[in-house]
Amino acid sequence: MTGADDERPPGEAAGHDASGDETRDVLAAETFASEMLGLGVTADELTDPEAEAEEERTLEALGMHEDAGTQLDDARADELLRSGAVELLGHIVSSNETFLVRIEDDTDALWGIYKPVLGERPLHDFPPGLHRRERAAYLVSETLGWHVVPRTVLREDGLPFGEGSLQRFVVADPAEHYFTLYGTGEDTDAQLRRLAVFDLLVNNADRKAGHVLRDEDGRVWGIDHGLCLHEELKLRTVIWDFAGAPVEPGLVADVAALVDDVPAAIADLLTPAEVRALQGRARYLLASGALPHDRTGMRFPWPLI
């Protein structure tokens, strides 16, 4: 079994890994909130105090914090995601069509992120159906008991553009991302280190800094997992600050549960080869007991944020 500092964990083929080479039209974290709400604010304008004040007024007018449903428990949120009426609020500029939506019934409402199958851009190294990987990543997080991925469901009915994934929206400061969060506190760093373990386990090919959020309670979340759980090693992440660090025994024990048994709910979303690869990465983490180094210097997503 390879060691923690080996540049090629099991499953990687020799040669160039082209995952992520395609052009990625993704917003910087600093422009995310304003663009998704259709404000048309550029990155330069965000340095203008008047533009920042206008953004704050818009968010306040939309009732962002109150209407996002942050007070709802998980069971209620799951019910809404699966059966609530869906209203489009805005378009999030991304490589695949992504929408901010409001989901409600007669009693409650919350915000969600909707990714329709029809909006997926064809990729040469991932088959269609990225929404299934979004759901699978969430289920891996839940199986481990880490809860690092917002609640995510698959849904076919009652959606503006048909079948896709719906994920609970995380209220977070859009100016924060991995590079601003790292080193800000022991608890935050511990959560980021756990996220690095998660990314290795699910073989995340697209962990940009802007895909790391910290909510109002200080909890760190990972989002955007459409490019994960491939059978070939595709790991691309900005979280390399913990390379060589030991994985906490408790996390290792959690991962061990996947070595012999991948729950059917996860396996049904993947191919048999992808399930075996997931188990192989779990065995690698158990054997190495530490996070790997990137000896190639190439395992970064683009853009970084």
Protein backbone atom coordinates (compact mmCIF):
# COMPACT_ATOMS: atom_id res chain seq x y z
CA MET A 1 0.00 0.00 0.00
CA THR A 2 1.29 3.43 -0.88
CA GLY A 3 2.33 5.87 1.81
CA ALA A 4 0.76 9.18 2.75
CA ASP A 5 3.21 11.20 0.66
CA ASP A 6 2.83 9.12 -2.50
CA GLU A 7 1.71 11.34 -5.37
CA ARG A 8 -0.53 8.67 -6.88
CA PRO A 9 -3.12 7.01 -4.61
CA PRO A 10 -4.58 3.72 -5.90
CA GLY A 11 -6.69 4.01 -9.02
CA GLU A 12 -4.68 6.68 -10.85
CA ALA A 13 -3.53 5.87 -14.32
CA ALA A 14 -0.20 7.17 -15.61
CA GLY A 15 -0.31 10.13 -17.96
CA HIS A 16 -2.14 13.39 -18.06
CA ASP A 17 -5.50 13.63 -16.29
CA ALA A 18 -7.58 15.94 -18.44
CA SER A 19 -10.44 16.39 -15.97
CA GLY A 20 -11.17 20.07 -15.51
CA ASP A 21 -9.28 21.23 -18.63
CA GLU A 22 -12.51 22.40 -20.21
CA THR A 23 -13.25 26.10 -20.04
CA ARG A 24 -15.05 26.88 -16.80
CA ASP A 25 -17.18 30.03 -16.75
CA VAL A 26 -17.50 30.25 -12.97
CA LEU A 27 -17.86 33.40 -10.90
CA ALA A 28 -15.36 34.45 -8.29
CA ALA A 29 -16.77 34.09 -4.79
CA GLU A 30 -16.84 37.88 -4.38
CA THR A 31 -19.36 38.28 -7.24
CA PHE A 32 -21.51 35.22 -6.52
CA ALA A 33 -24.33 36.80 -4.53
CA SER A 34 -24.79 39.83 -6.74
CA GLU A 35 -24.67 37.93 -10.03
CA MET A 36 -27.05 35.20 -8.94
CA LEU A 37 -29.59 37.83 -7.97
CA GLY A 38 -29.34 39.45 -11.38
CA LEU A 39 -27.81 42.69 -10.18
CA GLY A 40 -25.14 42.82 -12.89
CA VAL A 41 -22.43 43.97 -10.47
CA THR A 42 -18.89 43.40 -11.69
CA ALA A 43 -15.86 42.45 -9.61
CA ASP A 44 -14.48 46.01 -9.91
CA GLU A 45 -17.76 47.51 -8.79
CA LEU A 46 -17.73 45.36 -5.68
CA THR A 47 -14.82 47.44 -4.41
CA ASP A 48 -17.08 50.50 -4.55
CA PRO A 49 -18.77 51.16 -1.17
CA GLU A 50 -21.90 52.36 -2.96
CA ALA A 51 -22.13 49.12 -4.92
CA GLU A 52 -21.65 47.09 -1.73
CA ALA A 53 -24.37 49.12 -0.01
CA GLU A 54 -26.73 48.52 -2.94
CA GLU A 55 -26.09 44.77 -2.72
CA GLU A 56 -26.82 44.77 1.01
CA ARG A 57 -30.08 46.65 0.44
CA THR A 58 -31.12 44.17 -2.25
CA LEU A 59 -30.41 41.15 -0.06
CA GLU A 60 -32.32 42.76 2.77
CA ALA A 61 -35.26 43.54 0.52
CA LEU A 62 -35.38 39.93 -0.64
CA GLY A 63 -35.54 38.77 2.97
CA MET A 64 -32.52 36.54 2.38
CA HIS A 65 -31.99 35.37 5.93
CA GLU A 66 -35.63 35.06 6.91
CA ASP A 67 -36.86 33.50 3.68
CA ALA A 68 -33.99 31.04 3.21
CA GLY A 69 -35.52 28.63 5.72
CA THR A 70 -32.46 28.31 7.93
CA GLN A 71 -34.69 27.74 10.97
CA LEU A 72 -36.30 24.59 9.52
CA ASP A 73 -35.13 21.20 10.81
CA ASP A 74 -33.70 18.62 8.43
CA ALA A 75 -36.86 16.54 8.19
CA ARG A 76 -38.99 19.55 7.27
CA ALA A 77 -36.39 20.77 4.79
CA ASP A 78 -36.29 17.34 3.16
CA GLU A 79 -40.08 17.34 2.80
CA LEU A 80 -40.03 20.72 1.11
CA LEU A 81 -37.19 19.81 -1.22
CA ARG A 82 -39.06 16.71 -2.35
CA SER A 83 -42.57 18.07 -2.77
CA GLY A 84 -42.73 21.85 -2.31
CA ALA A 85 -43.71 24.28 -5.05
CA VAL A 86 -40.61 25.65 -6.77
CA GLU A 87 -40.20 29.27 -7.87
CA LEU A 88 -37.19 30.56 -9.80
CA LEU A 89 -35.41 33.44 -8.07
CA GLY A 90 -32.27 33.81 -10.15
CA HIS A 91 -29.72 32.26 -12.46
CA ILE A 92 -26.29 31.37 -11.12
CA VAL A 93 -23.61 31.74 -13.79
CA SER A 94 -21.74 28.44 -13.90
CA SER A 95 -20.41 25.85 -16.32
CA ASN A 96 -23.75 24.04 -16.00
CA GLU A 97 -27.15 25.69 -15.72
CA THR A 98 -27.79 26.37 -12.03
CA PHE A 99 -30.64 28.26 -10.42
CA LEU A 100 -31.51 29.79 -7.09
CA VAL A 101 -35.06 28.78 -6.20
CA ARG A 102 -37.64 29.30 -3.48
CA ILE A 103 -39.46 26.16 -2.37
CA GLU A 104 -42.65 26.43 -0.35
CA ASP A 105 -45.89 24.87 0.78
CA ASP A 106 -48.77 26.28 2.78
CA THR A 107 -46.67 26.39 5.96
CA ASP A 108 -42.97 26.92 5.29
CA ALA A 109 -40.44 28.03 2.69
CA LEU A 110 -36.74 27.68 2.05
CA TRP A 111 -34.19 28.49 -0.62
CA GLY A 112 -32.51 25.86 -2.72
CA ILE A 113 -30.03 25.32 -5.54
CA TYR A 114 -31.56 23.63 -8.58
CA LYS A 115 -29.41 21.87 -11.20
CA PRO A 116 -31.50 20.47 -14.07
CA VAL A 117 -30.23 17.58 -16.15
CA LEU A 118 -31.11 19.54 -19.29
CA GLY A 119 -28.62 22.22 -18.26
CA GLU A 120 -25.59 19.95 -18.04
CA ARG A 121 -22.71 20.70 -20.36
CA PRO A 122 -21.42 17.51 -22.05
CA LEU A 123 -18.04 16.39 -20.68
CA HIS A 124 -15.48 14.05 -22.20
CA ASP A 125 -14.57 12.38 -18.90
CA PHE A 126 -17.85 12.29 -16.95
CA PRO A 127 -21.06 10.72 -18.30
CA PRO A 128 -24.36 12.64 -18.25
CA GLY A 129 -26.22 12.65 -14.96
CA LEU A 130 -24.05 14.85 -12.74
CA HIS A 131 -27.08 15.44 -10.50
CA ARG A 132 -26.78 11.84 -9.34
CA ARG A 133 -23.24 12.50 -8.15
CA GLU A 134 -24.48 15.53 -6.21
CA ARG A 135 -26.87 13.23 -4.37
CA ALA A 136 -24.29 10.46 -3.95
CA ALA A 137 -21.77 12.86 -2.38
CA TYR A 138 -24.43 14.00 0.08
CA LEU A 139 -25.23 10.39 0.99
CA VAL A 140 -21.54 9.60 1.57
CA SER A 141 -21.33 12.60 3.90
CA GLU A 142 -24.41 11.40 5.79
CA THR A 143 -23.19 7.80 5.95
CA LEU A 144 -19.96 8.99 7.55
CA GLY A 145 -21.90 11.16 9.98
CA TRP A 146 -19.88 14.23 8.92
CA HIS A 147 -22.75 16.29 7.47
CA VAL A 148 -20.46 18.43 5.31
CA VAL A 149 -22.76 18.52 2.25
CA PRO A 150 -26.10 20.37 2.39
CA ARG A 151 -29.20 18.20 2.13
CA THR A 152 -29.57 17.16 -1.52
CA VAL A 153 -32.41 15.31 -3.22
CA LEU A 154 -33.21 14.08 -6.71
CA ARG A 155 -36.54 15.17 -8.11
CA GLU A 156 -38.43 14.74 -11.37
CA ASP A 157 -41.76 16.49 -10.88
CA GLY A 158 -42.71 20.10 -10.30
CA LEU A 159 -39.44 21.60 -11.49
CA PRO A 160 -39.18 24.46 -14.03
CA PHE A 161 -36.80 22.62 -16.38
CA GLY A 162 -37.45 19.01 -15.49
CA GLU A 163 -35.47 16.40 -13.58
CA GLY A 164 -32.48 17.48 -11.54
CA SER A 165 -31.01 17.90 -8.09
CA LEU A 166 -32.26 20.25 -5.40
CA GLN A 167 -29.90 21.25 -2.60
CA ARG A 168 -30.67 23.25 0.50
CA PHE A 169 -29.22 26.74 0.25
CA VAL A 170 -26.52 27.69 2.75
CA VAL A 171 -26.60 31.29 3.95
CA ALA A 172 -22.96 32.37 3.99
CA ASP A 173 -20.83 35.43 3.42
CA PRO A 174 -20.10 35.37 -0.35
CA ALA A 175 -16.77 37.12 0.25
CA GLU A 176 -15.53 34.13 2.25
CA HIS A 177 -13.98 31.05 0.67
CA TYR A 178 -11.30 28.50 1.48
CA PHE A 179 -8.40 30.93 1.15
CA THR A 180 -10.01 33.41 3.55
CA LEU A 181 -11.19 30.73 5.99
CA TYR A 182 -7.96 28.74 6.36
CA GLY A 183 -6.01 29.76 9.44
CA THR A 184 -8.84 31.73 11.03
CA GLY A 185 -9.30 29.36 13.96
CA GLU A 186 -8.61 25.87 15.25
CA ASP A 187 -12.22 24.72 14.86
CA THR A 188 -12.50 26.04 11.30
CA ASP A 189 -9.20 24.43 10.32
CA ALA A 190 -10.34 21.11 11.79
CA GLN A 191 -13.49 21.29 9.67
CA LEU A 192 -11.45 22.16 6.58
CA ARG A 193 -9.12 19.22 7.26
CA ARG A 194 -12.13 16.90 7.48
CA LEU A 195 -13.36 18.32 4.17
CA ALA A 196 -9.97 17.48 2.64
CA VAL A 197 -10.43 13.87 3.76
CA PHE A 198 -13.93 13.87 2.30
CA ASP A 199 -12.67 15.19 -1.05
CA LEU A 200 -10.06 12.46 -1.28
CA LEU A 201 -12.64 9.82 -0.43
CA VAL A 202 -15.20 11.01 -3.01
CA ASN A 203 -12.47 11.81 -5.55
CA ASN A 204 -13.58 15.42 -5.98
CA ALA A 205 -12.36 16.83 -9.28
CA ASP A 206 -13.57 20.36 -8.64
CA ARG A 207 -12.95 21.65 -5.09
CA LYS A 208 -12.59 25.33 -5.85
CA ALA A 209 -12.13 27.77 -2.96
CA GLY A 210 -15.60 29.18 -3.61
CA HIS A 211 -17.10 25.72 -3.10
CA VAL A 212 -16.27 26.00 0.61
CA LEU A 213 -18.81 27.92 2.69
CA ARG A 214 -19.07 28.84 6.36
CA ASP A 215 -22.59 29.48 7.61
CA GLU A 216 -23.77 31.88 10.29
CA ASP A 217 -23.12 29.28 13.00
CA GLY A 218 -19.51 28.73 11.94
CA ARG A 219 -20.18 25.40 10.27
CA VAL A 220 -18.14 24.62 7.15
CA TRP A 221 -19.92 23.15 4.13
CA GLY A 222 -18.75 21.79 0.79
CA ILE A 223 -20.93 22.38 -2.27
CA ASP A 224 -20.89 21.56 -5.99
CA HIS A 225 -20.12 17.84 -6.17
CA GLY A 226 -21.18 17.01 -9.71
CA LEU A 227 -17.60 16.06 -10.61
CA CYS A 228 -16.84 13.40 -8.06
CA LEU A 229 -16.87 9.63 -7.46
CA HIS A 230 -15.29 8.73 -10.80
CA GLU A 231 -13.57 5.35 -10.95
CA GLU A 232 -10.31 6.97 -12.15
CA LEU A 233 -8.43 9.30 -9.86
CA LYS A 234 -9.58 12.84 -10.73
CA LEU A 235 -8.75 14.68 -7.50
CA ARG A 236 -8.42 18.42 -8.02
CA THR A 237 -8.65 20.67 -4.99
CA VAL A 238 -7.31 23.86 -3.45
CA ILE A 239 -7.10 22.20 -0.02
CA TRP A 240 -3.45 21.12 0.08
CA ASP A 241 -2.43 22.93 3.27
CA PHE A 242 -2.98 19.74 5.27
CA ALA A 243 -0.86 17.49 3.04
CA GLY A 244 1.00 14.97 5.16
CA ALA A 245 -1.17 15.67 8.21
CA PRO A 246 -2.48 12.60 10.04
CA VAL A 247 -6.16 11.83 9.71
CA GLU A 248 -7.86 11.88 13.09
CA PRO A 249 -8.57 8.35 14.40
CA GLY A 250 -12.27 9.11 14.64
CA LEU A 251 -12.42 10.04 10.95
CA VAL A 252 -10.47 6.92 10.02
CA ALA A 253 -12.98 4.82 11.97
CA ASP A 254 -15.84 6.48 10.11
CA VAL A 255 -14.23 5.79 6.72
CA ALA A 256 -13.62 2.14 7.65
CA ALA A 257 -17.35 1.48 7.44
CA LEU A 258 -17.20 1.92 3.64
CA VAL A 259 -14.42 -0.61 3.04
CA ASP A 260 -16.68 -3.66 3.20
CA ASP A 261 -20.10 -2.17 2.62
CA VAL A 262 -21.28 0.77 0.52
CA PRO A 263 -24.96 1.45 1.28
CA ALA A 264 -27.33 0.56 -1.53
CA ALA A 265 -28.62 4.13 -1.71
CA ILE A 266 -25.12 5.23 -2.77
CA ALA A 267 -24.26 2.19 -4.90
CA ASP A 268 -27.45 2.56 -6.93
CA LEU A 269 -26.27 6.00 -8.10
CA LEU A 270 -22.87 4.75 -9.26
CA THR A 271 -21.43 2.08 -11.53
CA PRO A 272 -19.96 -1.08 -9.97
CA ALA A 273 -16.48 0.14 -10.91
CA GLU A 274 -17.11 3.47 -9.16
CA VAL A 275 -18.30 1.65 -6.03
CA ARG A 276 -15.13 -0.48 -5.97
CA ALA A 277 -13.01 2.64 -6.47
CA LEU A 278 -14.73 4.34 -3.53
CA GLN A 279 -13.90 1.34 -1.37
CA GLY A 280 -10.32 1.41 -2.65
CA ARG A 281 -9.91 5.04 -1.59
CA ALA A 282 -11.33 4.15 1.81
CA ARG A 283 -8.72 1.39 2.14
CA TYR A 284 -6.01 3.84 1.10
CA LEU A 285 -7.00 6.26 3.87
CA LEU A 286 -7.02 3.45 6.42
CA ALA A 287 -3.60 2.21 5.34
CA SER A 288 -1.90 5.60 5.02
CA GLY A 289 -3.54 7.31 7.97
CA ALA A 290 -2.61 10.70 6.52
CA LEU A 291 -3.53 13.11 3.73
CA PRO A 292 -1.40 12.81 0.56
CA HIS A 293 0.89 15.36 -1.05
CA ASP A 294 0.46 16.57 -4.60
CA ARG A 295 3.89 15.79 -6.04
CA THR A 296 2.73 16.67 -9.54
CA GLY A 297 1.72 20.24 -8.72
CA MET A 298 -1.16 19.77 -11.16
CA ARG A 299 -4.04 18.70 -8.92
CA PHE A 300 -5.68 22.09 -8.70
CA PRO A 301 -9.03 23.13 -10.21
CA TRP A 302 -9.34 26.11 -12.53
CA PRO A 303 -10.26 28.75 -11.75
CA LEU A 304 -9.06 28.44 -8.17
CA ILE A 305 -12.02 30.35 -6.73
